[in-house]
Amino acid sequence: MKVAQLHKYGGPDVIVYEDAPKPRPGFGEVLIKVESASVNFADVVRRNNDPYPFPSPLPFIPGSEVAGVVEAVAEGTGNIREGMTVFASLENGGAGGYAQYAVAKSSKVIPLPDGLTPDQACSLVVAGMTALQTLTDCAHLQSGETVLVQAAGGGVGTYAVQIAKHLGAGKVIAAASTPAKRDLAVKLGAHHAIDYTAPDWIDRLRELTDGKGVDVVLEATGGDVLTQSIQAMGPFGRIVVFGAASRERKPVNPYAMLGLNQSLITYYVGGWFQTRPQQAVAALLRLIGLIKSGAIQVQIGHVLPLSQAAEAHRILAARASAGKIILKPWLQAS
């Protein structure tokens, strides 16, 4: 089978499109013929060998989410059968998805809901659930509150803007680095869109909140943007950190937040499935319901053949994608 994998860590060019042995499912596992594989920023983190909750031993095939057809099943796979169209989260914190075939634990394989495409389904867990749970289970967003969504044009951000609006946020402020992403955020329901790379963006944010600051921040950039986002919060503000796209990890002073009773919360989707699976599954089902009802639109920014996985990572690095990036293992490059 064809895969996109790395034999050393580094930039996008370390991703090699090549042949590899087709995997075989073991007890409790299924083999999926992959139709769609999601590209997530965690794949970039692991490609760089940056700190991550799971190891990324070489050779390493990135990819945590796939959708496709069950090719084979081993013993102990419950109700999963050959020929079913499914989506799945993969093991080792999400590895093995950049391939024509992938093995998944049957407990992490879900039949594709009616009305959802494979491209949409393979964005549900990392991007969709992160957006939903950071707003609900972590920040406990209340109706009428103000929300700041950083990186609002990305996979998580495009979900978060819509979900915050649906949950009754009084004001959704989208922060994005390009005019196209800001325009998309407004189209998806944001009340305002600002450029968080501008030197005066905090002043602009203060104007939009009448000097009160924001109630909830979703933050995955890190570095100076994290520090500035904390400064943008008002009394009892909550900031949920779920990544560090800048690769800058500056320390946070919690004592500076004491006077305003502010909170910093972290989120990692895999930890929810591992330690609080009932809440995680409930969030996933709620998300699927929102999509099927039409309340939330899944935004697909780029669809590329698997052979262009390195290009997908370049697009991420250049902040040039509005919405999710999907790889198609059986699509031939034009």
C-alpha atoms as a PDB file:
ATOM      1  CA  MET A   1       0.000   0.000   0.000  1.00  0.00           C
ATOM      2  CA  LYS A   2       0.966   3.645  -0.323  1.00  0.00           C
ATOM      3  CA  VAL A   3       1.738   5.722   2.762  1.00  0.00           C
ATOM      4  CA  ALA A   4       3.073   9.161   3.601  1.00  0.00           C
ATOM      5  CA  GLN A   5       5.559   8.699   6.414  1.00  0.00           C
ATOM      6  CA  LEU A   6       8.743  10.109   7.908  1.00  0.00           C
ATOM      7  CA  HIS A   7      12.094   8.457   8.574  1.00  0.00           C
ATOM      8  CA  LYS A   8      13.473  11.518  10.338  1.00  0.00           C
ATOM      9  CA  TYR A   9      12.003  14.533  12.108  1.00  0.00           C
ATOM     10  CA  GLY A  10      11.932  17.986  10.617  1.00  0.00           C
ATOM     11  CA  GLY A  11      10.043  20.178   8.154  1.00  0.00           C
ATOM     12  CA  PRO A  12       7.371  19.138   5.653  1.00  0.00           C
ATOM     13  CA  ASP A  13       9.962  17.723   3.250  1.00  0.00           C
ATOM     14  CA  VAL A  14      10.710  14.816   5.604  1.00  0.00           C
ATOM     15  CA  ILE A  15       7.315  13.332   4.671  1.00  0.00           C
ATOM     16  CA  VAL A  16       7.937  10.644   2.055  1.00  0.00           C
ATOM     17  CA  TYR A  17       5.263   9.101  -0.182  1.00  0.00           C
ATOM     18  CA  GLU A  18       6.235   5.451  -0.607  1.00  0.00           C
ATOM     19  CA  ASP A  19       5.246   1.808  -0.379  1.00  0.00           C
ATOM     20  CA  ALA A  20       4.808   0.042   2.955  1.00  0.00           C
ATOM     21  CA  PRO A  21       3.413  -3.317   4.082  1.00  0.00           C
ATOM     22  CA  LYS A  22      -0.338  -3.496   4.374  1.00  0.00           C
ATOM     23  CA  PRO A  23      -1.212  -3.874   8.074  1.00  0.00           C
ATOM     24  CA  ARG A  24      -3.174  -6.783   9.501  1.00  0.00           C
ATOM     25  CA  PRO A  25      -5.730  -6.396  12.294  1.00  0.00           C
ATOM     26  CA  GLY A  26      -5.160  -8.181  15.578  1.00  0.00           C
ATOM     27  CA  PHE A  27      -7.677  -9.209  18.204  1.00  0.00           C
ATOM     28  CA  GLY A  28     -10.330  -6.515  18.668  1.00  0.00           C
ATOM     29  CA  GLU A  29      -9.125  -4.578  15.621  1.00  0.00           C
ATOM     30  CA  VAL A  30     -10.442  -3.806  12.161  1.00  0.00           C
ATOM     31  CA  LEU A  31      -8.694  -2.934   8.911  1.00  0.00           C
ATOM     32  CA  ILE A  32     -10.088   0.139   7.173  1.00  0.00           C
ATOM     33  CA  LYS A  33      -9.616   1.003   3.505  1.00  0.00           C
ATOM     34  CA  VAL A  34      -9.113   4.720   3.999  1.00  0.00           C
ATOM     35  CA  GLU A  35     -11.136   7.081   1.852  1.00  0.00           C
ATOM     36  CA  SER A  36     -10.406  10.259   3.818  1.00  0.00           C
ATOM     37  CA  ALA A  37      -7.704  11.140   6.331  1.00  0.00           C
ATOM     38  CA  SER A  38      -7.761  14.312   8.388  1.00  0.00           C
ATOM     39  CA  VAL A  39      -4.698  16.554   8.691  1.00  0.00           C
ATOM     40  CA  ASN A  40      -4.384  18.033  12.187  1.00  0.00           C
ATOM     41  CA  PHE A  41      -1.824  20.302  13.785  1.00  0.00           C
ATOM     42  CA  ALA A  42      -0.885  17.431  16.095  1.00  0.00           C
ATOM     43  CA  ASP A  43       0.576  15.769  12.983  1.00  0.00           C
ATOM     44  CA  VAL A  44       2.905  18.750  12.598  1.00  0.00           C
ATOM     45  CA  VAL A  45       3.893  18.549  16.264  1.00  0.00           C
ATOM     46  CA  ARG A  46       4.818  14.897  15.882  1.00  0.00           C
ATOM     47  CA  ARG A  47       6.612  15.487  12.579  1.00  0.00           C
ATOM     48  CA  ASN A  48       8.791  18.033  14.392  1.00  0.00           C
ATOM     49  CA  ASN A  49       9.205  15.649  17.359  1.00  0.00           C
ATOM     50  CA  ASP A  50       7.990  18.430  19.634  1.00  0.00           C
ATOM     51  CA  PRO A  51       6.645  17.488  23.083  1.00  0.00           C
ATOM     52  CA  TYR A  52       3.528  15.335  22.744  1.00  0.00           C
ATOM     53  CA  PRO A  53       1.646  12.985  25.102  1.00  0.00           C
ATOM     54  CA  PHE A  54       2.556   9.945  22.966  1.00  0.00           C
ATOM     55  CA  PRO A  55       5.855   8.856  21.363  1.00  0.00           C
ATOM     56  CA  SER A  56       6.370   9.102  17.595  1.00  0.00           C
ATOM     57  CA  PRO A  57       8.918   6.338  16.837  1.00  0.00           C
ATOM     58  CA  LEU A  58      10.491   6.257  13.383  1.00  0.00           C
ATOM     59  CA  PRO A  59       9.468   5.352  10.773  1.00  0.00           C
ATOM     60  CA  PHE A  60       6.282   7.177  11.651  1.00  0.00           C
ATOM     61  CA  ILE A  61       2.996   7.490   9.753  1.00  0.00           C
ATOM     62  CA  PRO A  62       1.039  10.530  10.969  1.00  0.00           C
ATOM     63  CA  GLY A  63      -2.728  10.787  10.945  1.00  0.00           C
ATOM     64  CA  SER A  64      -5.183  10.369  13.811  1.00  0.00           C
ATOM     65  CA  GLU A  65      -8.573  10.331  12.073  1.00  0.00           C
ATOM     66  CA  VAL A  66      -9.765   8.343   9.081  1.00  0.00           C
ATOM     67  CA  ALA A  67     -12.987   7.410   7.362  1.00  0.00           C
ATOM     68  CA  GLY A  68     -13.553   4.606   4.907  1.00  0.00           C
ATOM     69  CA  VAL A  69     -14.801   1.055   4.443  1.00  0.00           C
ATOM     70  CA  VAL A  70     -14.041  -1.888   6.734  1.00  0.00           C
ATOM     71  CA  GLU A  71     -11.857  -4.247   4.724  1.00  0.00           C
ATOM     72  CA  ALA A  72     -11.320  -6.969   7.347  1.00  0.00           C
ATOM     73  CA  VAL A  73     -12.163  -7.725  10.967  1.00  0.00           C
ATOM     74  CA  ALA A  74     -10.416  -9.869  13.553  1.00  0.00           C
ATOM     75  CA  GLU A  75     -12.002 -11.672  16.468  1.00  0.00           C
ATOM     76  CA  GLY A  76     -13.475  -9.596  19.270  1.00  0.00           C
ATOM     77  CA  THR A  77     -14.706  -6.693  17.151  1.00  0.00           C
ATOM     78  CA  GLY A  78     -18.313  -6.672  18.320  1.00  0.00           C
ATOM     79  CA  ASN A  79     -20.838  -5.366  15.809  1.00  0.00           C
ATOM     80  CA  ILE A  80     -18.311  -4.012  13.294  1.00  0.00           C
ATOM     81  CA  ARG A  81     -18.582  -5.927  10.024  1.00  0.00           C
ATOM     82  CA  GLU A  82     -16.790  -6.015   6.702  1.00  0.00           C
ATOM     83  CA  GLY A  83     -18.213  -3.577   4.169  1.00  0.00           C
ATOM     84  CA  MET A  84     -19.406  -1.032   6.748  1.00  0.00           C
ATOM     85  CA  THR A  85     -18.554   2.612   6.080  1.00  0.00           C
ATOM     86  CA  VAL A  86     -17.027   4.002   9.266  1.00  0.00           C
ATOM     87  CA  PHE A  87     -14.860   6.672  10.806  1.00  0.00           C
ATOM     88  CA  ALA A  88     -12.246   6.031  13.466  1.00  0.00           C
ATOM     89  CA  SER A  89      -9.672   7.498  15.818  1.00  0.00           C
ATOM     90  CA  LEU A  90      -6.378   5.634  15.657  1.00  0.00           C
ATOM     91  CA  GLU A  91      -4.075   4.337  18.393  1.00  0.00           C
ATOM     92  CA  ASN A  92      -0.840   5.764  19.829  1.00  0.00           C
ATOM     93  CA  GLY A  93      -2.479   9.150  20.262  1.00  0.00           C
ATOM     94  CA  GLY A  94      -3.433   9.092  16.605  1.00  0.00           C
ATOM     95  CA  ALA A  95      -0.962   7.527  14.179  1.00  0.00           C
ATOM     96  CA  GLY A  96      -1.197   5.613  10.912  1.00  0.00           C
ATOM     97  CA  GLY A  97      -3.863   7.591   9.068  1.00  0.00           C
ATOM     98  CA  TYR A  98      -1.751   8.837   6.150  1.00  0.00           C
ATOM     99  CA  ALA A  99      -2.133   5.512   4.356  1.00  0.00           C
ATOM    100  CA  GLN A 100      -4.374   3.568   2.015  1.00  0.00           C
ATOM    101  CA  TYR A 101      -5.163   1.136   4.852  1.00  0.00           C
ATOM    102  CA  ALA A 102      -5.220   1.692   8.606  1.00  0.00           C
ATOM    103  CA  VAL A 103      -5.862  -0.504  11.639  1.00  0.00           C
ATOM    104  CA  ALA A 104      -8.134   0.749  14.420  1.00  0.00           C
ATOM    105  CA  LYS A 105      -9.451  -0.641  17.690  1.00  0.00           C
ATOM    106  CA  SER A 106     -13.076  -1.640  17.192  1.00  0.00           C
ATOM    107  CA  SER A 107     -13.999   0.426  20.272  1.00  0.00           C
ATOM    108  CA  LYS A 108     -12.889   3.533  18.374  1.00  0.00           C
ATOM    109  CA  VAL A 109     -14.692   2.689  15.140  1.00  0.00           C
ATOM    110  CA  ILE A 110     -18.093   4.289  14.549  1.00  0.00           C
ATOM    111  CA  PRO A 111     -20.475   3.615  11.647  1.00  0.00           C
ATOM    112  CA  LEU A 112     -20.755   6.669   9.408  1.00  0.00           C
ATOM    113  CA  PRO A 113     -23.972   8.515  10.356  1.00  0.00           C
ATOM    114  CA  ASP A 114     -26.515   9.051   7.595  1.00  0.00           C
ATOM    115  CA  GLY A 115     -26.055  12.417   5.946  1.00  0.00           C
ATOM    116  CA  LEU A 116     -22.335  12.746   6.688  1.00  0.00           C
ATOM    117  CA  THR A 117     -19.589  12.307   4.111  1.00  0.00           C
ATOM    118  CA  PRO A 118     -16.261  10.617   4.916  1.00  0.00           C
ATOM    119  CA  ASP A 119     -14.521  13.999   4.567  1.00  0.00           C
ATOM    120  CA  GLN A 120     -16.830  15.511   7.174  1.00  0.00           C
ATOM    121  CA  ALA A 121     -16.657  12.522   9.513  1.00  0.00           C
ATOM    122  CA  CYS A 122     -12.881  12.436   9.758  1.00  0.00           C
ATOM    123  CA  SER A 123     -12.913  15.984  11.146  1.00  0.00           C
ATOM    124  CA  LEU A 124     -15.327  15.223  13.985  1.00  0.00           C
ATOM    125  CA  VAL A 125     -13.073  14.105  16.822  1.00  0.00           C
ATOM    126  CA  VAL A 126     -10.008  16.354  16.846  1.00  0.00           C
ATOM    127  CA  ALA A 127     -11.464  19.555  15.404  1.00  0.00           C
ATOM    128  CA  GLY A 128     -15.172  19.252  16.167  1.00  0.00           C
ATOM    129  CA  MET A 129     -15.010  17.779  19.648  1.00  0.00           C
ATOM    130  CA  THR A 130     -12.207  20.140  20.655  1.00  0.00           C
ATOM    131  CA  ALA A 131     -14.368  23.109  19.688  1.00  0.00           C
ATOM    132  CA  LEU A 132     -17.463  21.770  21.438  1.00  0.00           C
ATOM    133  CA  GLN A 133     -15.833  20.563  24.644  1.00  0.00           C
ATOM    134  CA  THR A 134     -13.594  23.569  25.147  1.00  0.00           C
ATOM    135  CA  LEU A 135     -16.692  25.748  25.045  1.00  0.00           C
ATOM    136  CA  THR A 136     -18.953  23.496  27.114  1.00  0.00           C
ATOM    137  CA  ASP A 137     -17.178  20.978  29.362  1.00  0.00           C
ATOM    138  CA  CYS A 138     -14.156  23.245  29.937  1.00  0.00           C
ATOM    139  CA  ALA A 139     -15.228  26.904  29.766  1.00  0.00           C
ATOM    140  CA  HIS A 140     -18.890  26.297  30.620  1.00  0.00           C
ATOM    141  CA  LEU A 141     -19.969  29.053  28.253  1.00  0.00           C
ATOM    142  CA  GLN A 142     -23.119  30.838  29.386  1.00  0.00           C
ATOM    143  CA  SER A 143     -25.702  32.548  27.204  1.00  0.00           C
ATOM    144  CA  GLY A 144     -24.825  36.166  26.568  1.00  0.00           C
ATOM    145  CA  GLU A 145     -21.096  35.825  27.285  1.00  0.00           C
ATOM    146  CA  THR A 146     -18.374  37.079  24.962  1.00  0.00           C
ATOM    147  CA  VAL A 147     -16.102  34.536  23.268  1.00  0.00           C
ATOM    148  CA  LEU A 148     -12.740  35.096  21.589  1.00  0.00           C
ATOM    149  CA  VAL A 149     -11.809  32.336  19.125  1.00  0.00           C
ATOM    150  CA  GLN A 150      -8.137  32.386  18.156  1.00  0.00           C
ATOM    151  CA  ALA A 151      -7.136  30.864  14.780  1.00  0.00           C
ATOM    152  CA  ALA A 152     -10.773  31.158  13.807  1.00  0.00           C
ATOM    153  CA  GLY A 153     -10.165  30.137  10.202  1.00  0.00           C
ATOM    154  CA  GLY A 154      -8.703  26.741  11.067  1.00  0.00           C
ATOM    155  CA  GLY A 155     -10.324  23.373  11.638  1.00  0.00           C
ATOM    156  CA  VAL A 156     -11.153  23.931  15.317  1.00  0.00           C
ATOM    157  CA  GLY A 157     -11.850  27.619  14.835  1.00  0.00           C
ATOM    158  CA  THR A 158     -14.462  27.234  12.111  1.00  0.00           C
ATOM    159  CA  TYR A 159     -16.328  24.779  14.314  1.00  0.00           C
ATOM    160  CA  ALA A 160     -15.927  26.965  17.421  1.00  0.00           C
ATOM    161  CA  VAL A 161     -17.311  30.135  15.860  1.00  0.00           C
ATOM    162  CA  GLN A 162     -20.494  28.318  14.850  1.00  0.00           C
ATOM    163  CA  ILE A 163     -20.887  26.398  18.105  1.00  0.00           C
ATOM    164  CA  ALA A 164     -20.390  29.508  20.242  1.00  0.00           C
ATOM    165  CA  LYS A 165     -23.048  31.307  18.238  1.00  0.00           C
ATOM    166  CA  HIS A 166     -25.389  28.308  18.508  1.00  0.00           C
ATOM    167  CA  LEU A 167     -24.879  28.152  22.294  1.00  0.00           C
ATOM    168  CA  GLY A 168     -26.067  31.728  22.642  1.00  0.00           C
ATOM    169  CA  ALA A 169     -22.847  33.689  23.030  1.00  0.00           C
ATOM    170  CA  GLY A 170     -23.673  37.372  23.197  1.00  0.00           C
ATOM    171  CA  LYS A 171     -20.674  38.260  21.075  1.00  0.00           C
ATOM    172  CA  VAL A 172     -18.339  36.001  19.101  1.00  0.00           C
ATOM    173  CA  ILE A 173     -15.041  37.646  18.199  1.00  0.00           C
ATOM    174  CA  ALA A 174     -12.956  35.749  15.667  1.00  0.00           C
ATOM    175  CA  ALA A 175      -9.194  36.277  15.530  1.00  0.00           C
ATOM    176  CA  ALA A 176      -7.478  35.199  12.325  1.00  0.00           C
ATOM    177  CA  SER A 177      -4.319  36.120  10.437  1.00  0.00           C
ATOM    178  CA  THR A 178      -5.664  36.738   6.918  1.00  0.00           C
ATOM    179  CA  PRO A 179      -8.588  38.703   5.425  1.00  0.00           C
ATOM    180  CA  ALA A 180      -9.966  35.541   3.806  1.00  0.00           C
ATOM    181  CA  LYS A 181     -10.111  33.716   7.145  1.00  0.00           C
ATOM    182  CA  ARG A 182     -11.694  36.690   8.869  1.00  0.00           C
ATOM    183  CA  ASP A 183     -14.307  36.942   6.115  1.00  0.00           C
ATOM    184  CA  LEU A 184     -15.075  33.232   6.511  1.00  0.00           C
ATOM    185  CA  ALA A 185     -15.459  33.608  10.276  1.00  0.00           C
ATOM    186  CA  VAL A 186     -17.988  36.406   9.821  1.00  0.00           C
ATOM    187  CA  LYS A 187     -19.832  34.304   7.259  1.00  0.00           C
ATOM    188  CA  LEU A 188     -20.006  31.488   9.829  1.00  0.00           C
ATOM    189  CA  GLY A 189     -21.575  33.756  12.429  1.00  0.00           C
ATOM    190  CA  ALA A 190     -18.845  35.768  14.153  1.00  0.00           C
ATOM    191  CA  HIS A 191     -19.994  39.239  15.181  1.00  0.00           C
ATOM    192  CA  HIS A 192     -16.521  40.685  14.670  1.00  0.00           C
ATOM    193  CA  ALA A 193     -13.222  39.513  13.175  1.00  0.00           C
ATOM    194  CA  ILE A 194      -9.821  40.941  14.073  1.00  0.00           C
ATOM    195  CA  ASP A 195      -6.202  40.380  13.026  1.00  0.00           C
ATOM    196  CA  TYR A 196      -4.342  38.959  16.032  1.00  0.00           C
ATOM    197  CA  THR A 197      -1.002  39.580  14.291  1.00  0.00           C
ATOM    198  CA  ALA A 198      -1.607  43.347  14.356  1.00  0.00           C
ATOM    199  CA  PRO A 199       0.318  45.179  17.110  1.00  0.00           C
ATOM    200  CA  ASP A 200      -2.813  46.919  18.432  1.00  0.00           C
ATOM    201  CA  TRP A 201      -5.174  43.952  18.375  1.00  0.00           C
ATOM    202  CA  ILE A 202      -5.681  43.974  22.149  1.00  0.00           C
ATOM    203  CA  ASP A 203      -6.782  47.629  21.974  1.00  0.00           C
ATOM    204  CA  ARG A 204      -9.251  46.716  19.248  1.00  0.00           C
ATOM    205  CA  LEU A 205     -10.554  43.855  21.379  1.00  0.00           C
ATOM    206  CA  ARG A 206     -11.070  46.164  24.322  1.00  0.00           C
ATOM    207  CA  GLU A 207     -13.094  48.484  22.103  1.00  0.00           C
ATOM    208  CA  LEU A 208     -15.309  45.628  20.966  1.00  0.00           C
ATOM    209  CA  THR A 209     -16.028  44.652  24.586  1.00  0.00           C
ATOM    210  CA  ASP A 210     -16.550  48.218  25.832  1.00  0.00           C
ATOM    211  CA  GLY A 211     -13.445  47.810  27.966  1.00  0.00           C
ATOM    212  CA  LYS A 212     -14.842  44.851  29.900  1.00  0.00           C
ATOM    213  CA  GLY A 213     -12.715  42.123  28.328  1.00  0.00           C
ATOM    214  CA  VAL A 214     -13.879  38.745  27.090  1.00  0.00           C
ATOM    215  CA  ASP A 215     -15.432  35.950  29.138  1.00  0.00           C
ATOM    216  CA  VAL A 216     -14.048  32.928  27.250  1.00  0.00           C
ATOM    217  CA  VAL A 217     -10.931  32.518  25.111  1.00  0.00           C
ATOM    218  CA  LEU A 218     -10.065  29.475  23.008  1.00  0.00           C
ATOM    219  CA  GLU A 219      -6.296  29.580  22.461  1.00  0.00           C
ATOM    220  CA  ALA A 220      -3.919  27.300  20.566  1.00  0.00           C
ATOM    221  CA  THR A 221      -1.182  29.632  19.351  1.00  0.00           C
ATOM    222  CA  GLY A 222       0.950  30.001  22.457  1.00  0.00           C
ATOM    223  CA  GLY A 223       3.808  32.398  23.082  1.00  0.00           C
ATOM    224  CA  ASP A 224       2.993  36.097  23.079  1.00  0.00           C
ATOM    225  CA  VAL A 225      -0.522  35.439  21.780  1.00  0.00           C
ATOM    226  CA  LEU A 226      -1.309  33.370  24.872  1.00  0.00           C
ATOM    227  CA  THR A 227      -0.011  36.110  27.154  1.00  0.00           C
ATOM    228  CA  GLN A 228      -1.971  38.759  25.278  1.00  0.00           C
ATOM    229  CA  SER A 229      -5.122  36.634  25.284  1.00  0.00           C
ATOM    230  CA  ILE A 230      -4.960  36.369  29.076  1.00  0.00           C
ATOM    231  CA  GLN A 231      -4.659  40.151  29.231  1.00  0.00           C
ATOM    232  CA  ALA A 232      -7.794  40.404  27.067  1.00  0.00           C
ATOM    233  CA  MET A 233      -9.985  38.608  29.622  1.00  0.00           C
ATOM    234  CA  GLY A 234     -12.379  40.331  31.985  1.00  0.00           C
ATOM    235  CA  PRO A 235     -13.368  39.347  35.537  1.00  0.00           C
ATOM    236  CA  PHE A 236     -14.042  35.601  35.906  1.00  0.00           C
ATOM    237  CA  GLY A 237     -12.690  35.066  32.398  1.00  0.00           C
ATOM    238  CA  ARG A 238     -11.712  31.528  31.338  1.00  0.00           C
ATOM    239  CA  ILE A 239      -9.028  30.725  28.797  1.00  0.00           C
ATOM    240  CA  VAL A 240      -8.845  27.197  27.402  1.00  0.00           C
ATOM    241  CA  VAL A 241      -5.459  26.217  25.959  1.00  0.00           C
ATOM    242  CA  PHE A 242      -5.418  23.266  23.561  1.00  0.00           C
ATOM    243  CA  GLY A 243      -2.184  23.724  21.622  1.00  0.00           C
ATOM    244  CA  ALA A 244       0.827  25.885  20.802  1.00  0.00           C
ATOM    245  CA  ALA A 245       1.001  26.353  17.046  1.00  0.00           C
ATOM    246  CA  SER A 246       3.755  28.952  17.362  1.00  0.00           C
ATOM    247  CA  ARG A 247       5.983  26.368  19.113  1.00  0.00           C
ATOM    248  CA  GLU A 248       6.668  29.085  21.691  1.00  0.00           C
ATOM    249  CA  ARG A 249       6.053  27.978  25.259  1.00  0.00           C
ATOM    250  CA  LYS A 250       6.325  31.004  27.514  1.00  0.00           C
ATOM    251  CA  PRO A 251       5.546  30.659  31.217  1.00  0.00           C
ATOM    252  CA  VAL A 252       2.250  31.958  32.570  1.00  0.00           C
ATOM    253  CA  ASN A 253       2.052  33.797  35.882  1.00  0.00           C
ATOM    254  CA  PRO A 254      -1.129  32.558  37.621  1.00  0.00           C
ATOM    255  CA  TYR A 255      -0.812  35.171  40.352  1.00  0.00           C
ATOM    256  CA  ALA A 256      -1.480  37.915  37.817  1.00  0.00           C
ATOM    257  CA  MET A 257      -4.901  36.313  37.293  1.00  0.00           C
ATOM    258  CA  LEU A 258      -5.892  36.115  40.953  1.00  0.00           C
ATOM    259  CA  GLY A 259      -7.383  39.568  41.352  1.00  0.00           C
ATOM    260  CA  LEU A 260      -9.905  39.051  38.553  1.00  0.00           C
ATOM    261  CA  ASN A 261     -10.735  35.440  39.498  1.00  0.00           C
ATOM    262  CA  GLN A 262      -9.632  34.230  36.087  1.00  0.00           C
ATOM    263  CA  SER A 263      -9.017  30.603  35.126  1.00  0.00           C
ATOM    264  CA  LEU A 264      -6.659  28.812  32.753  1.00  0.00           C
ATOM    265  CA  ILE A 265      -7.854  25.375  31.611  1.00  0.00           C
ATOM    266  CA  THR A 266      -6.134  22.887  29.316  1.00  0.00           C
ATOM    267  CA  TYR A 267      -7.728  20.427  26.907  1.00  0.00           C
ATOM    268  CA  TYR A 268      -6.569  17.296  25.099  1.00  0.00           C
ATOM    269  CA  VAL A 269      -9.257  15.289  23.333  1.00  0.00           C
ATOM    270  CA  GLY A 270      -7.531  11.930  23.797  1.00  0.00           C
ATOM    271  CA  GLY A 271      -7.505  12.347  27.547  1.00  0.00           C
ATOM    272  CA  TRP A 272     -11.276  12.720  27.599  1.00  0.00           C
ATOM    273  CA  PHE A 273     -11.814   9.441  25.737  1.00  0.00           C
ATOM    274  CA  GLN A 274      -9.331   7.720  28.039  1.00  0.00           C
ATOM    275  CA  THR A 275     -10.514   8.982  31.430  1.00  0.00           C
ATOM    276  CA  ARG A 276     -14.033  10.328  30.860  1.00  0.00           C
ATOM    277  CA  PRO A 277     -15.326   8.276  27.929  1.00  0.00           C
ATOM    278  CA  GLN A 278     -19.025   8.772  28.705  1.00  0.00           C
ATOM    279  CA  GLN A 279     -18.718  12.551  28.516  1.00  0.00           C
ATOM    280  CA  ALA A 280     -16.566  12.291  25.394  1.00  0.00           C
ATOM    281  CA  VAL A 281     -19.056  10.069  23.591  1.00  0.00           C
ATOM    282  CA  ALA A 282     -21.927  12.324  24.670  1.00  0.00           C
ATOM    283  CA  ALA A 283     -20.098  15.305  23.189  1.00  0.00           C
ATOM    284  CA  LEU A 284     -19.454  13.435  19.947  1.00  0.00           C
ATOM    285  CA  LEU A 285     -23.107  12.454  19.611  1.00  0.00           C
ATOM    286  CA  ARG A 286     -24.169  16.019  20.333  1.00  0.00           C
ATOM    287  CA  LEU A 287     -21.795  17.297  17.655  1.00  0.00           C
ATOM    288  CA  ILE A 288     -23.112  14.833  15.090  1.00  0.00           C
ATOM    289  CA  GLY A 289     -26.641  15.972  15.896  1.00  0.00           C
ATOM    290  CA  LEU A 290     -25.693  19.620  15.352  1.00  0.00           C
ATOM    291  CA  ILE A 291     -24.208  18.809  11.952  1.00  0.00           C
ATOM    292  CA  LYS A 292     -27.102  16.630  10.818  1.00  0.00           C
ATOM    293  CA  SER A 293     -29.603  19.305  11.861  1.00  0.00           C
ATOM    294  CA  GLY A 294     -27.790  21.904   9.791  1.00  0.00           C
ATOM    295  CA  ALA A 295     -26.905  24.039  12.818  1.00  0.00           C
ATOM    296  CA  ILE A 296     -23.187  23.507  12.119  1.00  0.00           C
ATOM    297  CA  GLN A 297     -21.502  23.386   8.713  1.00  0.00           C
ATOM    298  CA  VAL A 298     -18.257  21.422   8.372  1.00  0.00           C
ATOM    299  CA  GLN A 299     -15.713  23.590   6.583  1.00  0.00           C
ATOM    300  CA  ILE A 300     -13.324  21.756   4.249  1.00  0.00           C
ATOM    301  CA  GLY A 301     -10.492  23.994   3.091  1.00  0.00           C
ATOM    302  CA  HIS A 302      -8.351  21.684   0.944  1.00  0.00           C
ATOM    303  CA  VAL A 303      -8.726  18.158  -0.427  1.00  0.00           C
ATOM    304  CA  LEU A 304      -5.414  16.715  -1.600  1.00  0.00           C
ATOM    305  CA  PRO A 305      -4.129  13.323  -2.743  1.00  0.00           C
ATOM    306  CA  LEU A 306      -2.052  11.445  -0.168  1.00  0.00           C
ATOM    307  CA  SER A 307       1.022  11.977  -2.340  1.00  0.00           C
ATOM    308  CA  GLN A 308       0.784  15.688  -1.460  1.00  0.00           C
ATOM    309  CA  ALA A 309       0.857  15.227   2.314  1.00  0.00           C
ATOM    310  CA  ALA A 310       3.983  17.372   2.535  1.00  0.00           C
ATOM    311  CA  GLU A 311       2.143  20.151   0.711  1.00  0.00           C
ATOM    312  CA  ALA A 312      -0.723  19.828   3.195  1.00  0.00           C
ATOM    313  CA  HIS A 313       1.760  20.525   5.995  1.00  0.00           C
ATOM    314  CA  ARG A 314       3.175  23.507   4.094  1.00  0.00           C
ATOM    315  CA  ILE A 315      -0.345  24.907   3.794  1.00  0.00           C
ATOM    316  CA  LEU A 316      -0.787  24.547   7.540  1.00  0.00           C
ATOM    317  CA  ALA A 317       2.539  26.243   8.242  1.00  0.00           C
ATOM    318  CA  ALA A 318       1.646  29.146   5.933  1.00  0.00           C
ATOM    319  CA  ARG A 319      -1.778  29.533   7.599  1.00  0.00           C
ATOM    320  CA  ALA A 320      -3.221  29.258   4.104  1.00  0.00           C
ATOM    321  CA  SER A 321      -6.119  26.908   4.801  1.00  0.00           C
ATOM    322  CA  ALA A 322      -9.601  28.014   5.783  1.00  0.00           C
ATOM    323  CA  GLY A 323     -11.168  24.926   7.350  1.00  0.00           C
ATOM    324  CA  LYS A 324      -9.984  21.329   7.445  1.00  0.00           C
ATOM    325  CA  ILE A 325      -7.376  19.762   5.171  1.00  0.00           C
ATOM    326  CA  ILE A 326      -8.275  16.271   3.958  1.00  0.00           C
ATOM    327  CA  LEU A 327      -5.991  13.711   2.314  1.00  0.00           C
ATOM    328  CA  LYS A 328      -7.391  11.182  -0.180  1.00  0.00           C
ATOM    329  CA  PRO A 329      -5.206   8.040  -0.310  1.00  0.00           C
ATOM    330  CA  TRP A 330      -6.681   6.719  -3.561  1.00  0.00           C
ATOM    331  CA  LEU A 331      -6.794  10.020  -5.434  1.00  0.00           C
ATOM    332  CA  GLN A 332      -4.166  10.421  -8.133  1.00  0.00           C
ATOM    333  CA  ALA A 333      -2.293  13.712  -8.282  1.00  0.00           C
ATOM    334  CA  SER A 334      -3.219  15.757 -11.350  1.00  0.00           C
END
